[in-house]
Amino acid sequence: MRDHSTIAVGELYQGIRHEHWQGRTYREFWTWFNDRCIEIVGQAEAEDLEALGIALLDVRDAVEAGGYMVGSDRLDETIEAAQ
């Protein structure tokens, strides 16, 4: 993966930190996250896509571990402060 893709994935990890999202909705989080992933993939070189896909799946695992994976009926709920 090229440096700009590695940096973008690192910034994505920073962006999913809980303090950025408490008080906002899950819908806001997922809109931002999906838009940012599309942007990162769109800027990547073709030869980087496989490694980038793996890196983005790792970020997705961190998103799940962070508790952001909620059912569609909860998207408009506010993200509470971390326990």
C-alpha atoms as a PDB file:
ATOM      1  CA  MET A   1       0.000   0.000   0.000  1.00  0.00           C
ATOM      2  CA  ARG A   2       1.309   3.444  -0.849  1.00  0.00           C
ATOM      3  CA  ASP A   3       2.039   6.063   1.777  1.00  0.00           C
ATOM      4  CA  HIS A   4      -1.060   8.155   1.039  1.00  0.00           C
ATOM      5  CA  SER A   5      -3.319   5.113   1.492  1.00  0.00           C
ATOM      6  CA  THR A   6      -1.541   4.152   4.714  1.00  0.00           C
ATOM      7  CA  ILE A   7      -1.937   7.698   6.015  1.00  0.00           C
ATOM      8  CA  ALA A   8      -5.620   7.752   5.033  1.00  0.00           C
ATOM      9  CA  VAL A   9      -6.282   4.488   6.884  1.00  0.00           C
ATOM     10  CA  GLY A  10      -4.444   5.862   9.941  1.00  0.00           C
ATOM     11  CA  GLU A  11      -6.596   8.986   9.815  1.00  0.00           C
ATOM     12  CA  LEU A  12      -9.675   6.774   9.572  1.00  0.00           C
ATOM     13  CA  TYR A  13      -8.615   4.993  12.783  1.00  0.00           C
ATOM     14  CA  GLN A  14      -8.237   8.392  14.442  1.00  0.00           C
ATOM     15  CA  GLY A  15     -11.637   9.472  13.131  1.00  0.00           C
ATOM     16  CA  ILE A  16     -13.504   6.534  14.657  1.00  0.00           C
ATOM     17  CA  ARG A  17     -12.340   7.363  18.172  1.00  0.00           C
ATOM     18  CA  HIS A  18     -15.302   7.606  20.505  1.00  0.00           C
ATOM     19  CA  GLU A  19     -14.686  11.167  21.666  1.00  0.00           C
ATOM     20  CA  HIS A  20     -15.348  12.389  18.123  1.00  0.00           C
ATOM     21  CA  TRP A  21     -18.809  10.846  18.021  1.00  0.00           C
ATOM     22  CA  GLN A  22     -20.366  11.064  21.482  1.00  0.00           C
ATOM     23  CA  GLY A  23     -23.414  13.285  21.325  1.00  0.00           C
ATOM     24  CA  ARG A  24     -23.875  12.616  17.612  1.00  0.00           C
ATOM     25  CA  THR A  25     -26.005   9.912  16.010  1.00  0.00           C
ATOM     26  CA  TYR A  26     -25.028   6.542  14.657  1.00  0.00           C
ATOM     27  CA  ARG A  27     -26.433   7.697  11.315  1.00  0.00           C
ATOM     28  CA  GLU A  28     -23.954  10.602  11.294  1.00  0.00           C
ATOM     29  CA  PHE A  29     -21.130   8.205  12.097  1.00  0.00           C
ATOM     30  CA  TRP A  30     -22.054   5.748   9.355  1.00  0.00           C
ATOM     31  CA  THR A  31     -22.566   8.488   6.775  1.00  0.00           C
ATOM     32  CA  TRP A  32     -19.116   9.876   7.544  1.00  0.00           C
ATOM     33  CA  PHE A  33     -17.468   6.439   7.705  1.00  0.00           C
ATOM     34  CA  ASN A  34     -18.926   5.144   4.448  1.00  0.00           C
ATOM     35  CA  ASP A  35     -18.224   8.393   2.579  1.00  0.00           C
ATOM     36  CA  ARG A  36     -14.631   8.419   3.840  1.00  0.00           C
ATOM     37  CA  CYS A  37     -14.056   4.774   2.848  1.00  0.00           C
ATOM     38  CA  ILE A  38     -15.404   5.455  -0.655  1.00  0.00           C
ATOM     39  CA  GLU A  39     -13.124   8.481  -0.917  1.00  0.00           C
ATOM     40  CA  ILE A  40     -10.063   6.505   0.206  1.00  0.00           C
ATOM     41  CA  VAL A  41     -10.755   3.667  -2.245  1.00  0.00           C
ATOM     42  CA  GLY A  42     -11.439   6.154  -5.042  1.00  0.00           C
ATOM     43  CA  GLN A  43      -8.036   7.767  -4.562  1.00  0.00           C
ATOM     44  CA  ALA A  44      -6.099   4.506  -4.363  1.00  0.00           C
ATOM     45  CA  GLU A  45      -3.974   3.049  -7.117  1.00  0.00           C
ATOM     46  CA  ALA A  46      -5.327  -0.153  -8.670  1.00  0.00           C
ATOM     47  CA  GLU A  47      -2.380  -2.199  -7.418  1.00  0.00           C
ATOM     48  CA  ASP A  48      -3.097  -1.079  -3.845  1.00  0.00           C
ATOM     49  CA  LEU A  49      -6.754  -2.090  -3.747  1.00  0.00           C
ATOM     50  CA  GLU A  50      -6.273  -5.585  -2.339  1.00  0.00           C
ATOM     51  CA  ALA A  51      -4.076  -4.442   0.561  1.00  0.00           C
ATOM     52  CA  LEU A  52      -6.311  -1.432   1.117  1.00  0.00           C
ATOM     53  CA  GLY A  53      -9.393  -3.660   1.253  1.00  0.00           C
ATOM     54  CA  ILE A  54      -7.767  -5.753   3.970  1.00  0.00           C
ATOM     55  CA  ALA A  55      -6.793  -2.621   5.921  1.00  0.00           C
ATOM     56  CA  LEU A  56     -10.337  -1.241   5.673  1.00  0.00           C
ATOM     57  CA  LEU A  57     -11.768  -4.534   6.948  1.00  0.00           C
ATOM     58  CA  ASP A  58      -9.468  -4.192   9.955  1.00  0.00           C
ATOM     59  CA  VAL A  59     -10.859  -0.695  10.550  1.00  0.00           C
ATOM     60  CA  ARG A  60     -14.357  -2.140  10.244  1.00  0.00           C
ATOM     61  CA  ASP A  61     -13.462  -4.662  12.954  1.00  0.00           C
ATOM     62  CA  ALA A  62     -12.394  -1.745  15.178  1.00  0.00           C
ATOM     63  CA  VAL A  63     -15.713  -0.029  14.420  1.00  0.00           C
ATOM     64  CA  GLU A  64     -17.566  -3.149  15.530  1.00  0.00           C
ATOM     65  CA  ALA A  65     -15.435  -3.434  18.664  1.00  0.00           C
ATOM     66  CA  GLY A  66     -16.210   0.217  19.383  1.00  0.00           C
ATOM     67  CA  GLY A  67     -19.929  -0.503  19.490  1.00  0.00           C
ATOM     68  CA  TYR A  68     -20.942   1.423  16.374  1.00  0.00           C
ATOM     69  CA  MET A  69     -22.593  -1.555  14.689  1.00  0.00           C
ATOM     70  CA  VAL A  70     -26.268  -1.042  15.456  1.00  0.00           C
ATOM     71  CA  GLY A  71     -29.490  -2.087  13.808  1.00  0.00           C
ATOM     72  CA  SER A  72     -31.154   0.318  11.386  1.00  0.00           C
ATOM     73  CA  ASP A  73     -33.810   1.040  13.999  1.00  0.00           C
ATOM     74  CA  ARG A  74     -31.100   2.622  16.199  1.00  0.00           C
ATOM     75  CA  LEU A  75     -29.375   4.839  13.621  1.00  0.00           C
ATOM     76  CA  ASP A  76     -30.967   8.014  14.956  1.00  0.00           C
ATOM     77  CA  GLU A  77     -29.962   7.301  18.566  1.00  0.00           C
ATOM     78  CA  THR A  78     -27.301   9.473  20.114  1.00  0.00           C
ATOM     79  CA  ILE A  79     -23.924   7.910  20.787  1.00  0.00           C
ATOM     80  CA  GLU A  80     -23.343   8.081  24.517  1.00  0.00           C
ATOM     81  CA  ALA A  81     -20.070   8.701  26.334  1.00  0.00           C
ATOM     82  CA  ALA A  82     -17.816   5.655  26.587  1.00  0.00           C
ATOM     83  CA  GLN A  83     -18.199   3.605  29.748  1.00  0.00           C
END
